N, C-alpha and C. Protein backbone atom coordinates (compact mmCIF):
# COMPACT_ATOMS: atom_id res chain seq x y z
N MET A 1 29.95 -78.08 -58.64
CA MET A 1 29.03 -77.02 -58.29
C MET A 1 29.67 -75.64 -58.55
N VAL A 2 30.96 -75.54 -58.20
CA VAL A 2 31.65 -74.26 -58.43
C VAL A 2 31.75 -73.98 -59.91
N ARG A 3 32.09 -74.99 -60.69
CA ARG A 3 32.21 -74.79 -62.14
C ARG A 3 30.88 -74.41 -62.75
N ALA A 4 29.81 -75.01 -62.22
CA ALA A 4 28.47 -74.65 -62.73
C ALA A 4 28.17 -73.20 -62.43
N GLY A 5 28.56 -72.74 -61.24
CA GLY A 5 28.34 -71.35 -60.89
C GLY A 5 29.14 -70.39 -61.77
N VAL A 6 30.39 -70.79 -62.08
CA VAL A 6 31.22 -69.97 -62.98
C VAL A 6 30.59 -69.89 -64.36
N LEU A 7 30.13 -71.02 -64.85
CA LEU A 7 29.47 -71.05 -66.15
C LEU A 7 28.25 -70.14 -66.19
N ALA A 8 27.48 -70.16 -65.09
CA ALA A 8 26.28 -69.34 -65.04
C ALA A 8 26.62 -67.86 -65.08
N VAL A 9 27.72 -67.47 -64.41
CA VAL A 9 28.14 -66.06 -64.42
C VAL A 9 28.61 -65.65 -65.81
N LEU A 10 29.43 -66.49 -66.43
CA LEU A 10 29.97 -66.17 -67.75
C LEU A 10 28.88 -66.12 -68.80
N ALA A 11 27.82 -66.90 -68.60
CA ALA A 11 26.72 -66.92 -69.56
C ALA A 11 25.95 -65.60 -69.60
N ARG A 12 26.16 -64.75 -68.61
CA ARG A 12 25.47 -63.46 -68.57
C ARG A 12 25.98 -62.51 -69.68
N ASP A 13 27.21 -62.76 -70.11
CA ASP A 13 27.80 -61.85 -71.11
C ASP A 13 27.73 -62.51 -72.47
N PRO A 14 26.94 -61.98 -73.40
CA PRO A 14 26.80 -62.60 -74.72
C PRO A 14 28.10 -62.61 -75.53
N GLN A 15 29.08 -61.81 -75.13
CA GLN A 15 30.35 -61.76 -75.84
C GLN A 15 31.37 -62.77 -75.32
N VAL A 16 30.99 -63.51 -74.29
CA VAL A 16 31.89 -64.52 -73.72
C VAL A 16 31.39 -65.89 -74.09
N ASP A 17 32.26 -66.71 -74.71
CA ASP A 17 31.93 -68.06 -75.06
C ASP A 17 32.86 -69.02 -74.31
N VAL A 18 32.27 -69.97 -73.62
CA VAL A 18 33.07 -71.00 -72.95
C VAL A 18 33.30 -72.12 -73.96
N VAL A 19 34.54 -72.31 -74.37
CA VAL A 19 34.80 -73.28 -75.45
C VAL A 19 35.01 -74.69 -74.92
N THR A 20 35.44 -74.81 -73.66
CA THR A 20 35.65 -76.15 -73.12
C THR A 20 35.87 -76.08 -71.60
N GLU A 21 35.79 -77.23 -70.94
CA GLU A 21 36.04 -77.34 -69.52
C GLU A 21 37.06 -78.45 -69.29
N ALA A 22 37.90 -78.28 -68.28
CA ALA A 22 38.91 -79.27 -67.95
C ALA A 22 38.67 -79.80 -66.54
N GLY A 23 38.92 -81.07 -66.35
CA GLY A 23 38.72 -81.68 -65.01
C GLY A 23 39.96 -81.59 -64.15
N ASP A 24 41.13 -81.34 -64.73
CA ASP A 24 42.36 -81.20 -63.94
C ASP A 24 43.35 -80.34 -64.67
N GLY A 25 44.46 -80.05 -64.02
CA GLY A 25 45.44 -79.13 -64.58
C GLY A 25 46.09 -79.64 -65.86
N ARG A 26 46.40 -80.92 -65.91
CA ARG A 26 47.03 -81.47 -67.12
C ARG A 26 46.07 -81.38 -68.32
N GLU A 27 44.81 -81.71 -68.06
CA GLU A 27 43.83 -81.63 -69.14
C GLU A 27 43.66 -80.18 -69.60
N ALA A 28 43.75 -79.24 -68.66
CA ALA A 28 43.65 -77.83 -69.03
C ALA A 28 44.73 -77.43 -70.02
N LEU A 29 45.97 -77.93 -69.82
CA LEU A 29 47.07 -77.63 -70.73
C LEU A 29 46.78 -78.20 -72.13
N VAL A 30 46.32 -79.44 -72.16
CA VAL A 30 46.04 -80.07 -73.44
C VAL A 30 44.93 -79.33 -74.19
N LEU A 31 43.86 -78.97 -73.49
CA LEU A 31 42.74 -78.30 -74.13
C LEU A 31 43.13 -76.87 -74.55
N ALA A 32 44.01 -76.22 -73.77
CA ALA A 32 44.44 -74.87 -74.17
C ALA A 32 45.24 -74.92 -75.47
N ARG A 33 46.06 -75.95 -75.62
CA ARG A 33 46.81 -76.11 -76.86
C ARG A 33 45.88 -76.37 -78.03
N LEU A 34 44.84 -77.14 -77.77
CA LEU A 34 43.90 -77.54 -78.82
C LEU A 34 43.00 -76.39 -79.26
N HIS A 35 42.44 -75.67 -78.29
CA HIS A 35 41.42 -74.67 -78.59
C HIS A 35 41.95 -73.25 -78.70
N ARG A 36 43.17 -72.97 -78.14
CA ARG A 36 43.75 -71.64 -78.15
C ARG A 36 42.75 -70.56 -77.70
N PRO A 37 42.18 -70.69 -76.50
CA PRO A 37 41.23 -69.68 -76.02
C PRO A 37 41.94 -68.35 -75.73
N ASP A 38 41.15 -67.29 -75.63
CA ASP A 38 41.72 -66.00 -75.25
C ASP A 38 42.09 -65.99 -73.76
N VAL A 39 41.30 -66.69 -72.94
CA VAL A 39 41.50 -66.69 -71.49
C VAL A 39 41.32 -68.09 -70.94
N VAL A 40 42.16 -68.46 -70.00
CA VAL A 40 42.02 -69.72 -69.27
C VAL A 40 41.85 -69.41 -67.80
N LEU A 41 40.84 -69.99 -67.18
CA LEU A 41 40.60 -69.84 -65.74
C LEU A 41 41.16 -71.07 -65.03
N LEU A 42 42.01 -70.87 -64.03
CA LEU A 42 42.63 -71.95 -63.27
C LEU A 42 42.41 -71.74 -61.78
N ASP A 43 42.35 -72.82 -61.03
CA ASP A 43 42.32 -72.76 -59.57
C ASP A 43 43.69 -73.05 -59.03
N ILE A 44 43.96 -72.66 -57.78
CA ILE A 44 45.25 -72.98 -57.17
C ILE A 44 45.41 -74.48 -57.02
N GLN A 45 44.41 -75.12 -56.42
CA GLN A 45 44.45 -76.58 -56.22
C GLN A 45 43.58 -77.25 -57.27
N MET A 46 44.25 -78.04 -58.11
CA MET A 46 43.57 -78.80 -59.15
C MET A 46 44.17 -80.19 -59.18
N PRO A 47 43.37 -81.22 -59.47
CA PRO A 47 43.93 -82.56 -59.57
C PRO A 47 44.90 -82.67 -60.72
N GLY A 48 45.82 -83.61 -60.62
CA GLY A 48 46.73 -83.87 -61.73
C GLY A 48 47.89 -82.90 -61.79
N MET A 49 47.63 -81.61 -61.79
CA MET A 49 48.65 -80.56 -61.78
C MET A 49 48.03 -79.33 -61.19
N ASP A 50 48.71 -78.71 -60.20
CA ASP A 50 48.14 -77.55 -59.55
C ASP A 50 48.08 -76.36 -60.52
N GLY A 51 47.20 -75.42 -60.22
CA GLY A 51 46.96 -74.31 -61.13
C GLY A 51 48.18 -73.41 -61.32
N LEU A 52 49.01 -73.25 -60.28
CA LEU A 52 50.19 -72.41 -60.39
C LEU A 52 51.18 -72.99 -61.39
N THR A 53 51.40 -74.31 -61.30
CA THR A 53 52.28 -74.97 -62.25
C THR A 53 51.71 -74.89 -63.66
N ALA A 54 50.40 -75.10 -63.76
CA ALA A 54 49.75 -75.04 -65.09
C ALA A 54 49.87 -73.63 -65.68
N ALA A 55 49.74 -72.60 -64.83
CA ALA A 55 49.86 -71.22 -65.31
C ALA A 55 51.26 -70.96 -65.87
N ALA A 56 52.27 -71.43 -65.17
CA ALA A 56 53.65 -71.26 -65.64
C ALA A 56 53.89 -71.98 -66.95
N ARG A 57 53.32 -73.17 -67.08
CA ARG A 57 53.47 -73.94 -68.32
C ARG A 57 52.76 -73.24 -69.47
N LEU A 58 51.57 -72.71 -69.20
CA LEU A 58 50.82 -72.01 -70.25
C LEU A 58 51.59 -70.79 -70.72
N ARG A 59 52.22 -70.07 -69.80
CA ARG A 59 52.98 -68.90 -70.18
C ARG A 59 54.14 -69.29 -71.09
N GLN A 60 54.75 -70.45 -70.84
CA GLN A 60 55.86 -70.90 -71.67
C GLN A 60 55.40 -71.42 -73.02
N GLU A 61 54.28 -72.15 -73.03
CA GLU A 61 53.88 -72.86 -74.25
C GLU A 61 52.85 -72.12 -75.08
N SER A 62 52.05 -71.27 -74.44
CA SER A 62 50.95 -70.60 -75.16
C SER A 62 50.94 -69.12 -74.76
N ALA A 63 51.93 -68.38 -75.28
CA ALA A 63 52.15 -67.00 -74.86
C ALA A 63 50.96 -66.09 -75.13
N GLY A 64 50.13 -66.43 -76.12
CA GLY A 64 49.01 -65.56 -76.45
C GLY A 64 47.78 -65.78 -75.60
N VAL A 65 47.81 -66.76 -74.71
CA VAL A 65 46.65 -67.10 -73.88
C VAL A 65 46.72 -66.35 -72.55
N GLY A 66 45.66 -65.62 -72.21
CA GLY A 66 45.60 -64.95 -70.92
C GLY A 66 45.22 -65.93 -69.83
N VAL A 67 45.81 -65.80 -68.64
CA VAL A 67 45.59 -66.71 -67.53
C VAL A 67 45.06 -65.96 -66.33
N ILE A 68 43.92 -66.43 -65.80
CA ILE A 68 43.33 -65.87 -64.58
C ILE A 68 43.27 -66.96 -63.53
N MET A 69 43.76 -66.66 -62.34
CA MET A 69 43.58 -67.57 -61.23
C MET A 69 42.26 -67.20 -60.52
N LEU A 70 41.41 -68.19 -60.36
CA LEU A 70 40.13 -68.02 -59.68
C LEU A 70 40.12 -69.03 -58.54
N THR A 71 40.22 -68.58 -57.31
CA THR A 71 40.50 -69.50 -56.21
C THR A 71 39.95 -68.99 -54.91
N THR A 72 39.94 -69.88 -53.91
CA THR A 72 39.58 -69.48 -52.54
C THR A 72 40.85 -69.11 -51.75
N PHE A 73 42.02 -69.41 -52.32
CA PHE A 73 43.28 -69.22 -51.62
C PHE A 73 43.88 -67.86 -51.97
N GLY A 74 43.63 -66.89 -51.10
CA GLY A 74 44.06 -65.53 -51.38
C GLY A 74 45.27 -65.09 -50.58
N GLN A 75 46.02 -66.06 -50.05
CA GLN A 75 47.21 -65.67 -49.29
C GLN A 75 48.22 -64.95 -50.20
N ASN A 76 48.95 -64.05 -49.60
CA ASN A 76 49.88 -63.24 -50.37
C ASN A 76 50.88 -64.06 -51.15
N GLU A 77 51.36 -65.17 -50.57
CA GLU A 77 52.37 -65.96 -51.27
C GLU A 77 51.79 -66.59 -52.55
N TYR A 78 50.49 -66.95 -52.51
CA TYR A 78 49.88 -67.50 -53.71
C TYR A 78 49.70 -66.41 -54.78
N ILE A 79 49.29 -65.22 -54.35
CA ILE A 79 49.13 -64.12 -55.30
C ILE A 79 50.47 -63.78 -55.95
N THR A 80 51.50 -63.66 -55.11
CA THR A 80 52.81 -63.30 -55.62
C THR A 80 53.33 -64.36 -56.59
N ARG A 81 53.22 -65.63 -56.21
CA ARG A 81 53.74 -66.68 -57.09
C ARG A 81 52.96 -66.72 -58.42
N ALA A 82 51.64 -66.57 -58.34
CA ALA A 82 50.84 -66.60 -59.55
C ALA A 82 51.26 -65.50 -60.53
N LEU A 83 51.45 -64.28 -60.02
CA LEU A 83 51.85 -63.17 -60.86
C LEU A 83 53.26 -63.36 -61.40
N GLU A 84 54.15 -63.88 -60.56
CA GLU A 84 55.52 -64.13 -61.02
C GLU A 84 55.57 -65.22 -62.08
N ASP A 85 54.66 -66.20 -61.97
CA ASP A 85 54.65 -67.30 -62.93
C ASP A 85 53.93 -66.95 -64.22
N GLY A 86 53.36 -65.73 -64.29
CA GLY A 86 52.79 -65.28 -65.54
C GLY A 86 51.29 -65.12 -65.60
N ALA A 87 50.60 -65.27 -64.47
CA ALA A 87 49.14 -65.05 -64.47
C ALA A 87 48.85 -63.59 -64.78
N ASP A 88 47.79 -63.33 -65.55
CA ASP A 88 47.40 -61.98 -65.92
C ASP A 88 46.30 -61.44 -65.01
N GLY A 89 45.70 -62.31 -64.21
CA GLY A 89 44.62 -61.90 -63.34
C GLY A 89 44.55 -62.79 -62.13
N PHE A 90 43.99 -62.27 -61.04
CA PHE A 90 43.81 -63.07 -59.82
C PHE A 90 42.51 -62.65 -59.18
N LEU A 91 41.58 -63.60 -59.04
CA LEU A 91 40.27 -63.35 -58.47
C LEU A 91 40.00 -64.35 -57.37
N LEU A 92 39.16 -63.96 -56.43
CA LEU A 92 38.72 -64.87 -55.37
C LEU A 92 37.30 -65.31 -55.61
N LYS A 93 37.00 -66.56 -55.29
CA LYS A 93 35.65 -67.08 -55.50
C LYS A 93 34.64 -66.33 -54.65
N ALA A 94 35.10 -65.70 -53.57
CA ALA A 94 34.21 -64.94 -52.72
C ALA A 94 33.94 -63.52 -53.24
N ASP A 95 34.63 -63.15 -54.33
CA ASP A 95 34.42 -61.82 -54.91
C ASP A 95 33.03 -61.71 -55.50
N ASP A 96 32.59 -60.48 -55.71
CA ASP A 96 31.33 -60.23 -56.45
C ASP A 96 31.44 -60.89 -57.82
N PRO A 97 30.39 -61.64 -58.25
CA PRO A 97 30.45 -62.30 -59.55
C PRO A 97 30.77 -61.36 -60.70
N ARG A 98 30.45 -60.09 -60.56
CA ARG A 98 30.75 -59.14 -61.63
C ARG A 98 32.25 -58.99 -61.84
N GLU A 99 33.03 -59.27 -60.79
CA GLU A 99 34.49 -59.19 -60.93
C GLU A 99 34.99 -60.25 -61.90
N LEU A 100 34.35 -61.40 -61.94
CA LEU A 100 34.75 -62.46 -62.87
C LEU A 100 34.59 -61.97 -64.31
N LEU A 101 33.46 -61.37 -64.61
CA LEU A 101 33.25 -60.87 -65.97
C LEU A 101 34.22 -59.71 -66.28
N ASN A 102 34.44 -58.83 -65.31
CA ASN A 102 35.38 -57.74 -65.52
C ASN A 102 36.78 -58.29 -65.81
N GLY A 103 37.17 -59.33 -65.07
CA GLY A 103 38.48 -59.90 -65.26
C GLY A 103 38.63 -60.59 -66.60
N VAL A 104 37.63 -61.35 -67.00
CA VAL A 104 37.69 -62.05 -68.28
C VAL A 104 37.75 -61.05 -69.43
N ARG A 105 36.94 -59.99 -69.35
CA ARG A 105 36.96 -58.99 -70.40
C ARG A 105 38.34 -58.32 -70.49
N ALA A 106 38.87 -57.92 -69.33
CA ALA A 106 40.14 -57.20 -69.31
C ALA A 106 41.28 -58.07 -69.82
N VAL A 107 41.40 -59.27 -69.33
CA VAL A 107 42.49 -60.16 -69.76
C VAL A 107 42.28 -60.61 -71.21
N GLY A 108 41.03 -60.83 -71.60
CA GLY A 108 40.75 -61.19 -72.98
C GLY A 108 41.14 -60.11 -73.97
N ALA A 109 41.12 -58.84 -73.50
CA ALA A 109 41.50 -57.71 -74.35
C ALA A 109 42.99 -57.43 -74.31
N GLY A 110 43.74 -58.30 -73.62
CA GLY A 110 45.19 -58.12 -73.55
C GLY A 110 45.68 -57.36 -72.33
N GLY A 111 44.77 -57.11 -71.36
CA GLY A 111 45.15 -56.39 -70.16
C GLY A 111 45.39 -57.32 -68.98
N ALA A 112 45.41 -56.76 -67.80
CA ALA A 112 45.58 -57.52 -66.57
C ALA A 112 44.48 -57.10 -65.61
N TYR A 113 44.19 -57.99 -64.63
CA TYR A 113 43.10 -57.64 -63.71
C TYR A 113 43.29 -58.33 -62.37
N LEU A 114 43.20 -57.51 -61.32
CA LEU A 114 43.14 -58.00 -59.95
C LEU A 114 41.84 -57.51 -59.36
N SER A 115 41.11 -58.41 -58.69
CA SER A 115 39.88 -57.93 -58.04
C SER A 115 40.27 -56.96 -56.95
N PRO A 116 39.35 -56.04 -56.58
CA PRO A 116 39.69 -55.04 -55.56
C PRO A 116 40.23 -55.65 -54.26
N ARG A 117 39.68 -56.78 -53.87
CA ARG A 117 40.15 -57.42 -52.63
C ARG A 117 41.60 -57.89 -52.78
N VAL A 118 41.91 -58.49 -53.92
CA VAL A 118 43.27 -58.96 -54.16
C VAL A 118 44.21 -57.77 -54.33
N ALA A 119 43.78 -56.75 -55.07
CA ALA A 119 44.63 -55.56 -55.24
C ALA A 119 44.97 -54.93 -53.92
N GLY A 120 44.00 -54.91 -53.01
CA GLY A 120 44.24 -54.35 -51.69
C GLY A 120 45.32 -55.11 -50.94
N ARG A 121 45.30 -56.43 -51.07
CA ARG A 121 46.34 -57.23 -50.42
C ARG A 121 47.71 -57.00 -51.04
N VAL A 122 47.73 -56.84 -52.36
CA VAL A 122 49.01 -56.60 -53.04
C VAL A 122 49.59 -55.27 -52.55
N VAL A 123 48.76 -54.23 -52.55
CA VAL A 123 49.22 -52.91 -52.12
C VAL A 123 49.70 -52.95 -50.68
N ALA A 124 48.93 -53.60 -49.80
CA ALA A 124 49.32 -53.69 -48.37
C ALA A 124 50.63 -54.43 -48.23
N GLY A 125 50.83 -55.48 -49.02
CA GLY A 125 52.09 -56.24 -48.95
C GLY A 125 53.25 -55.42 -49.40
N LEU A 126 53.08 -54.62 -50.46
CA LEU A 126 54.17 -53.78 -50.96
C LEU A 126 54.53 -52.71 -49.92
N ARG A 127 53.51 -52.14 -49.29
CA ARG A 127 53.78 -51.12 -48.30
C ARG A 127 54.49 -51.69 -47.08
N ALA A 128 54.07 -52.91 -46.70
CA ALA A 128 54.68 -53.52 -45.53
C ALA A 128 56.14 -53.84 -45.75
N ARG A 129 56.47 -54.29 -46.93
CA ARG A 129 57.87 -54.63 -47.21
C ARG A 129 58.68 -53.46 -47.70
N ARG A 130 57.97 -52.41 -48.15
CA ARG A 130 58.57 -51.17 -48.64
C ARG A 130 59.29 -51.36 -49.96
N VAL A 131 59.59 -52.59 -50.32
CA VAL A 131 60.22 -52.88 -51.61
C VAL A 131 59.44 -54.01 -52.26
N ALA A 132 58.95 -53.78 -53.49
CA ALA A 132 58.18 -54.80 -54.16
C ALA A 132 59.07 -55.63 -55.06
N TYR A 133 59.62 -55.01 -56.05
CA TYR A 133 60.51 -55.66 -57.00
C TYR A 133 61.75 -54.79 -57.12
N PRO A 134 62.89 -55.38 -57.50
CA PRO A 134 64.08 -54.55 -57.65
C PRO A 134 63.86 -53.44 -58.69
N ARG A 135 64.34 -52.26 -58.35
CA ARG A 135 64.16 -51.11 -59.26
C ARG A 135 64.89 -51.40 -60.57
N ARG A 136 64.22 -51.18 -61.66
CA ARG A 136 64.80 -51.50 -62.97
C ARG A 136 65.07 -50.23 -63.75
N SER A 137 66.18 -50.23 -64.48
CA SER A 137 66.54 -49.09 -65.31
C SER A 137 65.75 -49.17 -66.61
N LEU A 138 65.26 -48.03 -67.08
CA LEU A 138 64.54 -47.96 -68.34
C LEU A 138 65.42 -47.43 -69.47
N GLU A 139 66.72 -47.31 -69.20
CA GLU A 139 67.62 -46.72 -70.19
C GLU A 139 67.68 -47.50 -71.49
N GLY A 140 67.45 -48.83 -71.43
CA GLY A 140 67.53 -49.65 -72.62
C GLY A 140 66.30 -49.60 -73.52
N LEU A 141 65.24 -48.92 -73.05
CA LEU A 141 64.00 -48.88 -73.82
C LEU A 141 64.04 -47.74 -74.85
N THR A 142 63.44 -47.99 -75.99
CA THR A 142 63.29 -46.94 -76.98
C THR A 142 62.16 -45.99 -76.52
N GLU A 143 62.04 -44.85 -77.15
CA GLU A 143 60.99 -43.91 -76.81
C GLU A 143 59.61 -44.53 -76.98
N ARG A 144 59.43 -45.29 -78.06
CA ARG A 144 58.14 -45.94 -78.29
C ARG A 144 57.86 -46.99 -77.25
N GLU A 145 58.86 -47.73 -76.84
CA GLU A 145 58.69 -48.75 -75.80
C GLU A 145 58.34 -48.11 -74.47
N ARG A 146 58.89 -46.94 -74.21
CA ARG A 146 58.52 -46.22 -72.98
C ARG A 146 57.04 -45.80 -73.02
N GLU A 147 56.58 -45.38 -74.18
CA GLU A 147 55.18 -44.99 -74.32
C GLU A 147 54.26 -46.20 -74.13
N VAL A 148 54.65 -47.34 -74.68
CA VAL A 148 53.88 -48.57 -74.47
C VAL A 148 53.87 -48.97 -73.00
N LEU A 149 55.04 -48.86 -72.35
CA LEU A 149 55.15 -49.18 -70.92
C LEU A 149 54.24 -48.27 -70.09
N ALA A 150 54.18 -47.01 -70.44
CA ALA A 150 53.29 -46.07 -69.74
C ALA A 150 51.83 -46.49 -69.90
N GLY A 151 51.48 -46.98 -71.07
CA GLY A 151 50.13 -47.50 -71.28
C GLY A 151 49.84 -48.70 -70.41
N LEU A 152 50.83 -49.60 -70.27
CA LEU A 152 50.68 -50.76 -69.37
C LEU A 152 50.46 -50.30 -67.94
N ALA A 153 51.19 -49.26 -67.54
CA ALA A 153 51.04 -48.75 -66.18
C ALA A 153 49.65 -48.17 -65.94
N ALA A 154 49.03 -47.67 -67.02
CA ALA A 154 47.69 -47.11 -66.90
C ALA A 154 46.61 -48.20 -66.90
N GLY A 155 47.04 -49.47 -67.09
CA GLY A 155 46.09 -50.57 -67.09
C GLY A 155 45.40 -50.76 -68.41
N TRP A 156 45.94 -50.17 -69.49
CA TRP A 156 45.31 -50.28 -70.80
C TRP A 156 45.57 -51.62 -71.44
N SER A 157 44.62 -52.07 -72.24
CA SER A 157 44.80 -53.27 -73.04
C SER A 157 45.67 -52.95 -74.26
N ASN A 158 46.09 -53.96 -74.98
CA ASN A 158 46.89 -53.72 -76.18
C ASN A 158 46.10 -52.88 -77.19
N ALA A 159 44.81 -53.12 -77.30
CA ALA A 159 43.99 -52.37 -78.24
C ALA A 159 43.92 -50.90 -77.86
N GLU A 160 43.80 -50.62 -76.55
CA GLU A 160 43.74 -49.24 -76.08
C GLU A 160 45.09 -48.53 -76.30
N ILE A 161 46.17 -49.24 -76.05
CA ILE A 161 47.48 -48.64 -76.29
C ILE A 161 47.65 -48.33 -77.77
N ALA A 162 47.23 -49.27 -78.62
CA ALA A 162 47.31 -49.07 -80.06
C ALA A 162 46.53 -47.82 -80.50
N GLY A 163 45.32 -47.65 -79.93
CA GLY A 163 44.54 -46.49 -80.27
C GLY A 163 45.18 -45.20 -79.81
N GLY A 164 45.72 -45.20 -78.59
CA GLY A 164 46.34 -43.99 -78.05
C GLY A 164 47.61 -43.60 -78.76
N LEU A 165 48.35 -44.59 -79.28
CA LEU A 165 49.63 -44.28 -79.93
C LEU A 165 49.53 -44.36 -81.45
N HIS A 166 48.33 -44.61 -81.97
CA HIS A 166 48.10 -44.68 -83.41
C HIS A 166 48.95 -45.77 -84.06
N LEU A 167 48.94 -46.95 -83.45
CA LEU A 167 49.65 -48.10 -83.96
C LEU A 167 48.69 -49.25 -84.21
N VAL A 168 49.12 -50.23 -84.98
CA VAL A 168 48.32 -51.44 -85.13
C VAL A 168 48.58 -52.32 -83.92
N GLU A 169 47.59 -53.15 -83.56
CA GLU A 169 47.70 -53.92 -82.33
C GLU A 169 48.86 -54.90 -82.39
N GLY A 170 49.15 -55.45 -83.58
CA GLY A 170 50.26 -56.39 -83.67
C GLY A 170 51.59 -55.74 -83.32
N THR A 171 51.75 -54.46 -83.69
CA THR A 171 52.97 -53.71 -83.37
C THR A 171 53.07 -53.52 -81.87
N VAL A 172 51.93 -53.24 -81.23
CA VAL A 172 51.94 -53.05 -79.78
C VAL A 172 52.34 -54.36 -79.08
N LYS A 173 51.84 -55.48 -79.54
CA LYS A 173 52.20 -56.76 -78.95
C LYS A 173 53.72 -56.97 -79.02
N ALA A 174 54.32 -56.62 -80.17
CA ALA A 174 55.76 -56.76 -80.33
C ALA A 174 56.50 -55.87 -79.36
N HIS A 175 56.02 -54.62 -79.18
CA HIS A 175 56.64 -53.71 -78.23
C HIS A 175 56.52 -54.21 -76.79
N VAL A 176 55.33 -54.77 -76.45
CA VAL A 176 55.12 -55.30 -75.10
C VAL A 176 56.13 -56.42 -74.84
N SER A 177 56.29 -57.33 -75.78
CA SER A 177 57.26 -58.41 -75.62
C SER A 177 58.68 -57.88 -75.44
N ALA A 178 59.02 -56.84 -76.19
CA ALA A 178 60.35 -56.23 -76.07
C ALA A 178 60.53 -55.58 -74.70
N VAL A 179 59.51 -54.93 -74.22
CA VAL A 179 59.56 -54.30 -72.90
C VAL A 179 59.77 -55.37 -71.82
N PHE A 180 58.99 -56.45 -71.88
CA PHE A 180 59.15 -57.53 -70.92
C PHE A 180 60.58 -58.05 -70.91
N SER A 181 61.12 -58.29 -72.11
CA SER A 181 62.45 -58.86 -72.24
C SER A 181 63.52 -57.90 -71.70
N LYS A 182 63.45 -56.66 -72.07
CA LYS A 182 64.47 -55.69 -71.65
C LYS A 182 64.43 -55.40 -70.14
N LEU A 183 63.23 -55.42 -69.58
CA LEU A 183 63.09 -55.11 -68.15
C LEU A 183 63.26 -56.35 -67.29
N GLY A 184 63.19 -57.53 -67.93
CA GLY A 184 63.28 -58.77 -67.17
C GLY A 184 62.06 -59.03 -66.31
N VAL A 185 60.87 -58.61 -66.80
CA VAL A 185 59.62 -58.84 -66.08
C VAL A 185 58.85 -59.95 -66.77
N ARG A 186 57.93 -60.56 -66.03
CA ARG A 186 57.18 -61.69 -66.56
C ARG A 186 55.77 -61.37 -66.98
N ASN A 187 55.24 -60.25 -66.49
CA ASN A 187 53.85 -59.95 -66.79
C ASN A 187 53.60 -58.46 -66.71
N ARG A 188 52.38 -58.07 -67.02
CA ARG A 188 52.01 -56.66 -67.11
C ARG A 188 52.02 -55.98 -65.73
N VAL A 189 51.75 -56.76 -64.68
CA VAL A 189 51.77 -56.17 -63.34
C VAL A 189 53.17 -55.73 -62.96
N GLU A 190 54.17 -56.59 -63.18
CA GLU A 190 55.55 -56.23 -62.87
C GLU A 190 56.01 -55.06 -63.75
N ALA A 191 55.59 -55.07 -65.01
CA ALA A 191 55.94 -53.97 -65.92
C ALA A 191 55.36 -52.66 -65.41
N ALA A 192 54.11 -52.68 -64.94
CA ALA A 192 53.48 -51.48 -64.42
C ALA A 192 54.20 -50.96 -63.20
N ILE A 193 54.66 -51.85 -62.33
CA ILE A 193 55.40 -51.44 -61.14
C ILE A 193 56.69 -50.74 -61.55
N ALA A 194 57.39 -51.30 -62.54
CA ALA A 194 58.62 -50.68 -63.04
C ALA A 194 58.33 -49.28 -63.59
N ALA A 195 57.22 -49.14 -64.29
CA ALA A 195 56.87 -47.83 -64.84
C ALA A 195 56.58 -46.81 -63.75
N TYR A 196 55.83 -47.25 -62.73
CA TYR A 196 55.52 -46.31 -61.66
C TYR A 196 56.79 -45.89 -60.92
N GLU A 197 57.70 -46.86 -60.70
CA GLU A 197 58.94 -46.54 -60.01
C GLU A 197 59.74 -45.51 -60.82
N ALA A 198 59.65 -45.58 -62.13
CA ALA A 198 60.40 -44.66 -62.98
C ALA A 198 59.69 -43.33 -63.18
N GLY A 199 58.45 -43.21 -62.67
CA GLY A 199 57.71 -41.96 -62.80
C GLY A 199 57.13 -41.71 -64.18
N LEU A 200 56.93 -42.78 -64.96
CA LEU A 200 56.36 -42.61 -66.30
C LEU A 200 54.89 -42.18 -66.19
N ARG A 201 54.47 -41.32 -67.08
CA ARG A 201 53.08 -40.90 -67.12
C ARG A 201 52.38 -41.58 -68.27
N PRO A 202 51.07 -41.87 -68.15
CA PRO A 202 50.36 -42.52 -69.25
C PRO A 202 50.25 -41.59 -70.45
N PRO A 203 50.11 -42.14 -71.66
CA PRO A 203 49.90 -41.30 -72.84
C PRO A 203 48.68 -40.40 -72.65
N ARG A 204 48.60 -39.34 -73.39
CA ARG A 204 47.51 -38.36 -73.18
C ARG A 204 46.14 -38.89 -73.55
N CYS A 205 46.04 -39.82 -74.49
CA CYS A 205 44.72 -40.29 -74.90
C CYS A 205 44.77 -41.76 -75.18
N ALA A 206 43.53 -42.40 -75.21
CA ALA A 206 43.45 -43.83 -75.47
C ALA A 206 42.48 -43.99 -76.62
């Protein structure tokens, strides 16, 4: 029933095509390798292999595939682990259905997306602990990589960063990978936090 509801929401957007459905986490990995979708939706609890483990495996095996967790489990530890394991988005099934389309569009374009409810929990958790991630030095980044990082902090997709910096999208992807590697971050959310801590400003235009 839940999957049918998800399909009904996604069908509202003519630019979104559902290429396949998986009955469990292991099948999701196999089908992701086969179809190479832009975005994979996973739940926290799935038969065969839980969604968090599947998300980590997808990040290792299919780096170009965006991963969104869509779940009823919105506890902070699940959100943190999902983002650390490489998820690009986190949504709750209780969110407004429009958030699902917003998330799929954003992650499909190379960005990241947290629903407002999830983002609120992340912010509250960071404030409560006062420290989110260890402060990272940006000294090893080139000037261009700093500009790309600033775009990530602004929440821009790879295409938007490419437009703002007058680069081809493939070059931006290479810079994003270099930024992740040099900063030791796993995803765009952690990269954005590093940028904000360093006081980077977004590029002037997109």
